[in-house]
Protein backbone atom coordinates (compact mmCIF):
# COMPACT_ATOMS: atom_id res chain seq x y z
CA MET A 1 28.31 38.10 52.91
CA ASN A 2 27.78 41.86 52.97
CA ALA A 3 31.38 43.10 52.56
CA ILE A 4 34.55 42.48 50.59
CA LEU A 5 38.12 43.78 50.67
CA GLY A 6 39.71 45.49 47.70
CA GLU A 7 42.45 47.72 46.33
CA LYS A 8 41.79 51.24 45.08
CA LEU A 9 43.09 51.46 41.50
CA GLY A 10 42.22 55.10 40.78
CA MET A 11 39.57 57.30 39.18
CA THR A 12 38.26 57.63 35.64
CA GLN A 13 35.15 58.69 33.75
CA ILE A 14 32.47 56.66 32.01
CA LEU A 15 29.57 57.85 29.89
CA GLY A 16 26.11 57.57 31.40
CA SER A 17 22.65 58.62 30.24
CA ASN A 18 23.19 62.10 31.72
CA GLY A 19 26.78 62.56 30.52
CA ALA A 20 30.16 61.69 32.01
CA ILE A 21 30.25 60.13 35.49
CA SER A 22 33.38 60.26 37.66
CA VAL A 23 33.98 56.81 39.13
CA THR A 24 36.53 55.14 41.35
CA VAL A 25 37.71 51.72 40.20
CA VAL A 26 38.31 49.15 42.94
CA LYS A 27 39.74 45.67 42.47
CA ALA A 28 37.47 43.94 44.95
CA GLY A 29 38.60 40.45 45.94
CA PRO A 30 38.67 37.64 45.47
CA CYS A 31 38.94 37.08 49.22
CA ARG A 32 39.36 33.81 51.11
CA VAL A 33 37.71 32.84 54.36
CA VAL A 34 40.57 32.29 56.80
CA GLN A 35 38.61 31.75 60.01
CA VAL A 36 34.95 31.26 60.97
CA LYS A 37 33.74 32.41 64.39
CA THR A 38 30.61 30.88 65.90
CA PRO A 39 28.37 31.91 68.82
CA GLU A 40 29.07 28.58 70.56
CA ARG A 41 32.84 28.96 70.55
CA ASP A 42 33.43 32.73 70.27
CA GLY A 43 30.18 34.30 71.45
CA TYR A 44 29.31 35.88 68.09
CA SER A 45 29.10 35.11 64.37
CA ALA A 46 31.86 36.48 62.13
CA VAL A 47 34.09 35.59 59.22
CA GLN A 48 37.75 36.54 58.87
CA LEU A 49 38.65 37.44 55.28
CA GLY A 50 42.13 37.40 53.77
CA PHE A 51 43.20 39.55 50.82
CA GLY A 52 46.48 40.28 49.05
CA ASP A 53 49.49 38.01 48.60
CA LEU A 54 52.24 37.97 51.22
CA PRO A 55 55.64 36.22 50.93
CA PRO A 56 55.93 33.49 53.59
CA ARG A 57 59.33 34.86 54.69
CA LEU A 58 57.56 37.92 56.12
CA LEU A 59 55.31 35.89 58.42
CA THR A 60 55.73 35.59 62.15
CA LYS A 61 55.44 32.08 63.62
CA PRO A 62 51.99 32.72 65.18
CA ALA A 63 50.68 34.10 61.88
CA ALA A 64 52.15 31.14 59.97
CA GLY A 65 50.36 28.76 62.32
CA HIS A 66 47.10 30.67 61.84
CA PHE A 67 47.21 30.21 58.06
CA LYS A 68 48.44 26.62 58.35
CA ALA A 69 45.40 25.75 60.48
CA ALA A 70 43.18 26.93 57.62
CA ASN A 71 45.40 25.19 55.03
CA LEU A 72 45.78 28.50 53.16
CA PRO A 73 48.69 30.58 51.83
CA PRO A 74 49.49 33.76 53.77
CA TYR A 75 47.53 36.95 53.09
CA ARG A 76 48.70 40.51 53.59
CA HIS A 77 45.40 41.79 55.00
CA LEU A 78 43.03 40.14 57.46
CA VAL A 79 39.68 41.75 58.32
CA GLU A 80 36.82 40.38 60.38
CA VAL A 81 33.28 40.82 59.07
CA ARG A 82 30.18 40.20 61.19
CA VAL A 83 27.63 37.87 59.58
CA THR A 84 24.16 36.68 60.57
CA ASP A 85 24.88 32.97 60.18
CA SER A 86 28.51 31.87 60.18
CA SER A 87 27.56 28.24 59.51
CA LEU A 88 27.19 29.17 55.83
CA TYR A 89 30.96 29.67 55.52
CA ARG A 90 34.01 27.46 55.80
CA PRO A 91 37.78 28.12 55.80
CA GLY A 92 39.16 28.35 52.28
CA GLN A 93 35.87 29.47 50.74
CA GLU A 94 36.29 32.10 48.02
CA ILE A 95 34.27 35.34 48.17
CA LYS A 96 33.85 37.18 44.85
CA VAL A 97 32.57 40.70 44.26
CA GLY A 98 29.57 39.46 42.27
CA GLU A 99 28.32 37.64 45.38
CA VAL A 100 28.32 40.87 47.44
CA LEU A 101 27.32 43.75 45.16
CA GLU A 102 25.36 44.30 41.97
CA LYS A 103 25.02 47.20 39.55
CA GLY A 104 22.60 49.85 40.83
CA MET A 105 23.08 49.05 44.52
CA LYS A 106 24.46 51.46 47.12
CA ALA A 107 27.75 50.76 48.88
CA ASP A 108 29.73 52.11 51.83
CA VAL A 109 33.51 52.30 51.39
CA GLY A 110 35.92 52.49 54.32
CA GLY A 111 39.65 53.12 54.28
CA VAL A 112 42.46 55.30 55.61
CA GLY A 113 42.33 58.77 54.05
CA LYS A 114 45.33 60.51 52.55
CA GLY A 115 47.71 61.99 55.12
CA LYS A 116 48.28 65.73 54.69
CA GLY A 117 50.94 66.15 57.36
CA PHE A 118 51.08 69.14 59.72
CA SER A 119 48.63 71.70 58.31
CA GLY A 120 47.57 75.22 59.17
CA VAL A 121 44.07 76.38 60.04
CA MET A 122 43.21 77.58 56.52
CA LYS A 123 43.80 74.14 55.03
CA ARG A 124 42.72 72.08 58.03
CA HIS A 125 39.60 73.98 59.14
CA ASN A 126 38.81 76.23 56.13
CA PHE A 127 39.59 79.50 57.98
CA ALA A 128 39.31 82.63 55.82
CA GLY A 129 42.68 84.05 56.86
CA GLN A 130 43.49 87.63 57.80
CA GLY A 131 43.30 90.80 55.72
CA ASP A 132 46.09 91.87 53.39
CA SER A 133 46.25 95.54 54.41
CA HIS A 134 45.99 97.76 57.51
CA GLY A 135 49.47 96.99 58.72
CA ASN A 136 49.24 93.21 58.49
CA HIS A 137 52.77 91.90 58.13
CA ARG A 138 53.28 88.24 57.18
CA MET A 139 50.34 87.04 59.28
CA HIS A 140 47.90 86.38 56.44
CA ARG A 141 47.46 82.66 57.14
CA ALA A 142 47.80 82.82 60.94
CA MET A 143 44.85 81.79 63.12
CA GLY A 144 44.81 84.94 65.27
CA SER A 145 43.75 85.08 68.91
CA ILE A 146 42.71 81.83 70.62
CA GLY A 147 40.47 83.75 73.02
CA ALA A 148 41.88 82.43 76.31
CA GLY A 149 42.34 85.30 78.81
CA THR A 150 42.48 85.25 82.59
CA THR A 151 39.20 83.35 82.45
CA PRO A 152 39.44 80.41 81.85
CA GLY A 153 43.22 80.88 81.86
CA ARG A 154 43.81 77.91 79.59
CA THR A 155 43.26 76.84 76.00
CA VAL A 156 39.76 75.42 75.58
CA LYS A 157 39.69 71.76 74.58
CA GLY A 158 38.73 71.06 70.98
CA LEU A 159 39.81 74.50 69.72
CA LYS A 160 40.44 74.54 65.98
CA MET A 161 44.21 74.96 65.64
CA PRO A 162 47.04 73.82 63.34
CA GLY A 163 47.92 70.15 63.58
CA ARG A 164 48.15 66.78 61.89
CA MET A 165 45.59 66.44 59.11
CA GLY A 166 44.30 63.29 57.42
CA GLY A 167 45.65 59.79 57.80
CA LYS A 168 42.54 58.66 59.70
CA ARG A 169 40.00 55.97 58.96
CA VAL A 170 37.11 57.35 56.92
CA THR A 171 33.91 55.71 55.66
CA VAL A 172 32.04 57.22 52.71
CA LEU A 173 28.36 56.26 52.75
CA SER A 174 25.90 55.31 50.02
CA LEU A 175 27.99 55.46 46.84
CA GLU A 176 26.22 54.17 43.76
CA VAL A 177 27.59 50.98 42.19
CA VAL A 178 27.86 52.07 38.56
CA GLU A 179 29.33 48.85 37.14
CA VAL A 180 30.49 45.43 38.33
CA ASP A 181 32.91 43.30 36.28
CA ALA A 182 32.74 39.91 37.96
CA GLU A 183 35.26 38.32 35.57
CA GLN A 184 38.03 40.81 36.37
CA ASP A 185 36.91 41.42 39.99
CA LEU A 186 36.38 45.13 39.34
CA ILE A 187 33.76 47.48 40.73
CA MET A 188 33.11 51.10 39.71
CA LEU A 189 31.70 53.46 42.34
CA ALA A 190 30.30 56.92 41.61
CA GLY A 191 32.48 59.52 43.37
CA SER A 192 35.68 59.27 45.37
CA VAL A 193 36.75 56.85 48.09
CA PRO A 194 39.37 57.24 50.85
CA GLY A 195 43.06 56.60 50.34
CA ASN A 196 45.79 56.73 47.72
CA ARG A 197 46.07 54.47 44.71
CA GLY A 198 46.81 50.98 45.94
CA ALA A 199 45.19 51.58 49.32
CA LEU A 200 43.20 48.85 51.04
CA VAL A 201 39.46 49.55 51.19
CA MET A 202 36.45 47.67 52.49
CA VAL A 203 33.34 47.80 50.32
CA ARG A 204 30.07 46.77 51.96
CA LYS A 205 26.38 46.95 51.26
CA ALA A 206 25.13 50.37 52.32
CA VAL A 207 23.64 50.58 55.82
CA LYS A 208 21.45 53.50 54.67
CA GLY A 209 19.35 53.66 51.53
CA GLY A 210 20.89 50.54 50.06
């Protein structure tokens, strides 16, 4: 297994050989294998992981049947992970963080970034803004001309303008695994990861420089 689901707990500092290191603490797993997909039946090898408790009263009937087939309690989050050989896994198998990552490795972390709402160009695109003097009146954070005259007579696609910022899926690559606490299912990653406290994240072995 090269990935595991977890919950972002927040950030802190730990002392390293070169001073304080800012780390993000993630409660990674334990996850349960809910479904195994095989090339013979599904055309590819994958494992469906479940994470996070969910009250049975919140289940739909199809979802309840899905968990009943695996003889497992319901999970709040289900994520499919591609694997090389799915025959190594079975429904109900527990996946712990110590089986996926070790101290000193590199990891990629994916999640939904914080939503910033409707934002202007200075916050969203790092525009410098307009000058304070020379007759400028309450236009200091405005974007200015969008440059569309008679030709082409329309706003060019992809133009940097105000709009909804954040709230999209983001993957941060090659974060160092500073510490792994297998007993408490905790992992400390150097730097920041997407999302608010309590957000669902997927931690996997780095695809680059791992």
